[in-house]
């Protein structure tokens, strides 16, 4: 292989390696973001369940108060 071809081949390999590194970093960032979103969704779900429970309890208390009068 000529020196010119070898230099071109080496440059291409470095560019492919750099692009691969950038894709890896992007994939890791995307995975972390997805994990954080999943955690947030779990927290929201737990909060909604708690709000639903409190709403039911408030309804029960209102019914009891209505029956007292």
C-alpha atoms as a PDB file:
ATOM      1  CA  UNK A   1       0.000   0.000   0.000  1.00  0.00           C
ATOM      2  CA  UNK A   2       1.385   3.405  -0.918  1.00  0.00           C
ATOM      3  CA  UNK A   3       2.109   6.031   1.703  1.00  0.00           C
ATOM      4  CA  UNK A   4      -0.650   8.232   0.299  1.00  0.00           C
ATOM      5  CA  UNK A   5      -3.220   5.422   0.447  1.00  0.00           C
ATOM      6  CA  UNK A   6      -2.072   4.478   3.946  1.00  0.00           C
ATOM      7  CA  UNK A   7      -2.433   8.080   5.143  1.00  0.00           C
ATOM      8  CA  UNK A   8      -5.951   8.260   3.646  1.00  0.00           C
ATOM      9  CA  UNK A   9      -6.902   4.925   5.226  1.00  0.00           C
ATOM     10  CA  UNK A  10      -5.563   6.013   8.631  1.00  0.00           C
ATOM     11  CA  UNK A  11      -7.511   9.289   8.445  1.00  0.00           C
ATOM     12  CA  UNK A  12     -10.713   7.437   7.566  1.00  0.00           C
ATOM     13  CA  UNK A  13     -10.195   5.049  10.479  1.00  0.00           C
ATOM     14  CA  UNK A  14      -9.710   7.964  12.889  1.00  0.00           C
ATOM     15  CA  UNK A  15     -12.879   9.636  11.599  1.00  0.00           C
ATOM     16  CA  UNK A  16     -14.877   6.419  11.960  1.00  0.00           C
ATOM     17  CA  UNK A  17     -13.518   5.955  15.476  1.00  0.00           C
ATOM     18  CA  UNK A  18     -14.410   9.540  16.394  1.00  0.00           C
ATOM     19  CA  UNK A  19     -17.923   9.153  14.979  1.00  0.00           C
ATOM     20  CA  UNK A  20     -18.329   5.909  16.904  1.00  0.00           C
ATOM     21  CA  UNK A  21     -17.289   7.645  20.119  1.00  0.00           C
ATOM     22  CA  UNK A  22     -19.799  10.442  19.498  1.00  0.00           C
ATOM     23  CA  UNK A  23     -22.585   7.942  18.853  1.00  0.00           C
ATOM     24  CA  UNK A  24     -21.696   6.107  22.057  1.00  0.00           C
ATOM     25  CA  UNK A  25     -21.787   9.327  24.075  1.00  0.00           C
ATOM     26  CA  UNK A  26     -25.140  10.235  22.520  1.00  0.00           C
ATOM     27  CA  UNK A  27     -26.559   6.795  23.267  1.00  0.00           C
ATOM     28  CA  UNK A  28     -25.420   6.999  26.898  1.00  0.00           C
ATOM     29  CA  UNK A  29     -26.981  10.439  27.249  1.00  0.00           C
ATOM     30  CA  UNK A  30     -30.216   9.212  25.708  1.00  0.00           C
ATOM     31  CA  UNK A  31     -30.306   6.197  28.030  1.00  0.00           C
ATOM     32  CA  UNK A  32     -29.729   8.389  31.069  1.00  0.00           C
ATOM     33  CA  UNK A  33     -32.499  10.752  29.971  1.00  0.00           C
ATOM     34  CA  UNK A  34     -34.882   7.837  29.473  1.00  0.00           C
ATOM     35  CA  UNK A  35     -34.029   6.498  32.910  1.00  0.00           C
ATOM     36  CA  UNK A  36     -34.661   9.887  34.512  1.00  0.00           C
ATOM     37  CA  UNK A  37     -37.996  10.177  32.684  1.00  0.00           C
ATOM     38  CA  UNK A  38     -39.019   6.700  33.849  1.00  0.00           C
ATOM     39  CA  UNK A  39     -38.187   7.664  37.419  1.00  0.00           C
ATOM     40  CA  UNK A  40     -40.229  10.853  37.102  1.00  0.00           C
ATOM     41  CA  UNK A  41     -43.175   8.919  35.685  1.00  0.00           C
ATOM     42  CA  UNK A  42     -43.029   6.509  38.630  1.00  0.00           C
ATOM     43  CA  UNK A  43     -43.070   9.440  41.051  1.00  0.00           C
ATOM     44  CA  UNK A  44     -45.994  11.051  39.225  1.00  0.00           C
ATOM     45  CA  UNK A  45     -47.877   7.753  39.250  1.00  0.00           C
ATOM     46  CA  UNK A  46     -47.349   7.356  42.993  1.00  0.00           C
ATOM     47  CA  UNK A  47     -48.528  10.931  43.570  1.00  0.00           C
ATOM     48  CA  UNK A  48     -51.648  10.367  41.471  1.00  0.00           C
ATOM     49  CA  UNK A  49     -52.453   7.190  43.409  1.00  0.00           C
ATOM     50  CA  UNK A  50     -52.069   9.078  46.667  1.00  0.00           C
ATOM     51  CA  UNK A  51     -54.276  11.919  45.390  1.00  0.00           C
ATOM     52  CA  UNK A  52     -56.897   9.381  44.298  1.00  0.00           C
ATOM     53  CA  UNK A  53     -56.852   7.784  47.753  1.00  0.00           C
ATOM     54  CA  UNK A  54     -57.185  11.188  49.427  1.00  0.00           C
ATOM     55  CA  UNK A  55     -60.041  12.124  47.115  1.00  0.00           C
ATOM     56  CA  UNK A  56     -61.891   8.917  47.969  1.00  0.00           C
ATOM     57  CA  UNK A  57     -61.354   9.552  51.678  1.00  0.00           C
ATOM     58  CA  UNK A  58     -62.645  13.131  51.274  1.00  0.00           C
ATOM     59  CA  UNK A  59     -65.735  11.779  49.522  1.00  0.00           C
ATOM     60  CA  UNK A  60     -66.317   9.308  52.349  1.00  0.00           C
ATOM     61  CA  UNK A  61     -65.907  12.073  54.932  1.00  0.00           C
ATOM     62  CA  UNK A  62     -68.313  14.343  53.037  1.00  0.00           C
ATOM     63  CA  UNK A  63     -70.884  11.541  52.891  1.00  0.00           C
ATOM     64  CA  UNK A  64     -70.515  10.966  56.642  1.00  0.00           C
ATOM     65  CA  UNK A  65     -70.888  14.687  57.349  1.00  0.00           C
ATOM     66  CA  UNK A  66     -73.983  14.834  55.145  1.00  0.00           C
ATOM     67  CA  UNK A  67     -75.503  11.934  57.077  1.00  0.00           C
ATOM     68  CA  UNK A  68     -74.876  13.693  60.414  1.00  0.00           C
ATOM     69  CA  UNK A  69     -77.044  16.660  59.498  1.00  0.00           C
END
